[in-house]
Amino acid sequence: MKKTLLFLLSMALLAFVWAQPGAEDRAMPGPDGERPGPGKHLQLVLDLNDDQMAKIEEFRLQQQKEAIPLRAEAEKLQAEIQLVMVADKFDQGKLENLVKASEKVHSQLRLSHLLHQQKVRSLLTDEQKTKYDNMMLARGKGQREGHGQRPRFQRAKGPRG
């Protein structure tokens, strides 16, 4: 029973992850109607030179490479949490340990992302840093005021059907 449940949960998780759009699918189209690639928005807003763009791309790829095992671990822990929650015999200690491990992995991912931002910032001129800082502050402000993504567990408001 548990093996079947684990298999079904793993397949559902795989299907969910596979169906998620990539960042390039969510990007806003540019003036020419094309969706900008990674870093293109920064290049346009900050007027980055080719050397800066090359370094930022290098940093981005390195950060993504480091994040792959962390994301996989986070997904594995989430699947294990779900199994604990549906088990015939609930184990609170196991749940607590899994939640702590999940929080640690998410903290590592967040730290990796923030360190990447600092690497990018270190390449910028003073004028570019001002624009970059304003972008980062505006992004954080929008999320705190409810303009960012809403948590997955909330229902969308609107007519029910």
Protein backbone atom coordinates (compact mmCIF):
# COMPACT_ATOMS: atom_id res chain seq x y z
CA MET A 1 0.00 0.00 0.00
CA LYS A 2 2.72 2.46 0.99
CA LYS A 3 4.80 1.63 -2.09
CA THR A 4 1.80 2.20 -4.34
CA LEU A 5 1.01 5.48 -2.60
CA LEU A 6 4.65 6.58 -2.84
CA PHE A 7 4.74 5.69 -6.55
CA LEU A 8 1.50 7.58 -7.26
CA LEU A 9 2.67 10.59 -5.26
CA SER A 10 6.01 10.59 -7.08
CA MET A 11 4.32 10.42 -10.47
CA ALA A 12 1.93 13.26 -9.54
CA LEU A 13 4.85 15.38 -8.35
CA LEU A 14 6.79 14.68 -11.53
CA ALA A 15 3.78 15.60 -13.69
CA PHE A 16 3.25 18.80 -11.69
CA VAL A 17 6.89 19.89 -11.98
CA TRP A 18 7.02 19.03 -15.67
CA ALA A 19 3.87 21.03 -16.41
CA GLN A 20 5.17 24.22 -14.82
CA PRO A 21 6.05 26.99 -17.27
CA GLY A 22 9.67 28.10 -17.39
CA ALA A 23 10.75 31.65 -16.58
CA GLU A 24 10.97 32.41 -20.29
CA ASP A 25 7.27 31.55 -20.66
CA ARG A 26 6.29 34.07 -17.98
CA ALA A 27 8.44 36.97 -19.18
CA MET A 28 6.68 40.04 -20.51
CA PRO A 29 7.12 40.70 -24.23
CA GLY A 30 9.54 43.48 -25.15
CA PRO A 31 8.89 46.40 -27.50
CA ASP A 32 9.47 44.14 -30.51
CA GLY A 33 6.86 41.64 -29.26
CA GLU A 34 9.52 39.06 -28.37
CA ARG A 35 9.96 37.70 -24.88
CA PRO A 36 13.35 38.67 -23.44
CA GLY A 37 15.73 35.89 -22.47
CA PRO A 38 17.43 35.59 -19.08
CA GLY A 39 19.25 38.80 -18.22
CA LYS A 40 17.81 40.70 -21.19
CA HIS A 41 15.55 42.76 -18.94
CA LEU A 42 18.54 43.77 -16.84
CA GLN A 43 20.50 44.63 -19.96
CA LEU A 44 17.72 46.89 -21.18
CA VAL A 45 16.99 48.60 -17.88
CA LEU A 46 20.59 48.97 -16.70
CA ASP A 47 22.26 49.46 -20.09
CA LEU A 48 24.79 46.71 -19.42
CA ASN A 49 27.84 46.29 -21.62
CA ASP A 50 28.81 42.98 -23.22
CA ASP A 51 31.39 42.13 -20.53
CA GLN A 52 28.85 42.69 -17.77
CA MET A 53 26.28 40.56 -19.60
CA ALA A 54 28.76 37.73 -20.08
CA LYS A 55 29.68 37.74 -16.38
CA ILE A 56 26.03 37.90 -15.30
CA GLU A 57 25.20 34.97 -17.56
CA GLU A 58 28.11 33.03 -16.03
CA PHE A 59 26.84 33.84 -12.52
CA ARG A 60 23.28 32.88 -13.49
CA LEU A 61 24.30 29.50 -14.87
CA GLN A 62 26.44 28.77 -11.81
CA GLN A 63 23.59 29.68 -9.47
CA GLN A 64 21.15 27.50 -11.42
CA LYS A 65 23.60 24.60 -11.33
CA GLU A 66 23.90 24.93 -7.54
CA ALA A 67 20.12 25.17 -7.14
CA ILE A 68 19.27 21.94 -9.01
CA PRO A 69 20.12 19.51 -6.19
CA LEU A 70 18.54 21.84 -3.62
CA ARG A 71 15.27 22.01 -5.56
CA ALA A 72 15.28 18.23 -5.99
CA GLU A 73 15.82 17.80 -2.25
CA ALA A 74 13.00 20.26 -1.49
CA GLU A 75 10.63 18.32 -3.75
CA LYS A 76 11.67 15.01 -2.17
CA LEU A 77 11.07 16.39 1.32
CA GLN A 78 7.66 17.74 0.30
CA ALA A 79 6.69 14.31 -1.02
CA GLU A 80 7.84 12.73 2.25
CA ILE A 81 5.81 15.28 4.23
CA GLN A 82 2.74 14.37 2.21
CA LEU A 83 3.33 10.67 2.90
CA VAL A 84 3.58 11.33 6.65
CA MET A 85 0.34 13.31 6.50
CA VAL A 86 -1.60 10.46 4.84
CA ALA A 87 0.01 7.58 6.75
CA ASP A 88 -2.25 5.30 8.75
CA LYS A 89 -0.15 5.98 11.85
CA PHE A 90 0.78 9.67 12.19
CA ASP A 91 4.36 10.35 13.37
CA GLN A 92 4.63 13.92 14.66
CA GLY A 93 8.37 13.63 15.34
CA LYS A 94 9.04 12.55 11.76
CA LEU A 95 6.88 15.40 10.46
CA GLU A 96 8.76 17.94 12.58
CA ASN A 97 12.12 16.66 11.33
CA LEU A 98 10.96 16.77 7.70
CA VAL A 99 9.62 20.32 8.09
CA LYS A 100 12.91 21.45 9.66
CA ALA A 101 14.89 19.83 6.85
CA SER A 102 12.61 21.42 4.26
CA GLU A 103 13.03 24.85 5.85
CA LYS A 104 16.81 24.41 5.82
CA VAL A 105 16.82 23.56 2.10
CA HIS A 106 14.56 26.51 1.29
CA SER A 107 16.85 28.78 3.31
CA GLN A 108 19.84 27.52 1.30
CA LEU A 109 17.98 28.25 -1.95
CA ARG A 110 17.07 31.75 -0.78
CA LEU A 111 20.65 32.44 0.31
CA SER A 112 21.97 31.22 -3.03
CA HIS A 113 19.60 33.58 -4.84
CA LEU A 114 20.55 36.56 -2.66
CA LEU A 115 24.27 35.88 -3.08
CA HIS A 116 23.72 35.76 -6.85
CA GLN A 117 22.07 39.18 -6.68
CA GLN A 118 25.08 40.53 -4.80
CA LYS A 119 27.47 39.12 -7.39
CA VAL A 120 25.48 40.85 -10.12
CA ARG A 121 25.44 44.09 -8.12
CA SER A 122 29.23 43.96 -7.69
CA LEU A 123 29.65 44.25 -11.47
CA LEU A 124 27.62 47.44 -11.80
CA THR A 125 28.64 51.06 -12.00
CA ASP A 126 27.30 53.45 -9.35
CA GLU A 127 24.53 54.65 -11.68
CA GLN A 128 23.57 51.07 -12.55
CA LYS A 129 23.60 50.11 -8.86
CA THR A 130 21.08 52.85 -8.11
CA LYS A 131 18.71 51.54 -10.80
CA TYR A 132 19.30 47.94 -9.73
CA ASP A 133 18.69 48.72 -6.06
CA ASN A 134 15.46 50.53 -6.93
CA MET A 135 14.32 47.50 -8.94
CA MET A 136 15.07 45.15 -6.05
CA LEU A 137 13.34 47.39 -3.50
CA ALA A 138 10.28 47.80 -5.73
CA ARG A 139 10.09 44.03 -6.24
CA GLY A 140 10.14 43.40 -2.50
CA LYS A 141 7.62 46.17 -1.80
CA GLY A 142 5.16 44.81 -4.35
CA GLN A 143 5.30 41.34 -2.84
CA ARG A 144 4.77 42.64 0.69
CA GLU A 145 1.75 44.66 -0.42
CA GLY A 146 0.13 41.67 -2.06
CA HIS A 147 1.16 42.39 -5.66
CA GLY A 148 3.45 39.39 -5.86
CA GLN A 149 2.41 35.78 -6.14
CA ARG A 150 -0.19 34.66 -3.65
CA PRO A 151 0.50 31.53 -1.61
CA ARG A 152 -0.57 28.30 -3.32
CA PHE A 153 -3.05 27.34 -0.60
CA GLN A 154 -5.31 30.38 -1.09
CA ARG A 155 -8.25 30.21 -3.44
CA ALA A 156 -8.55 32.72 -6.21
CA LYS A 157 -11.36 35.19 -5.60
CA GLY A 158 -14.13 35.39 -8.08
CA PRO A 159 -17.28 33.59 -9.09
CA ARG A 160 -17.50 29.99 -8.10
CA GLY A 161 -18.47 27.55 -10.73
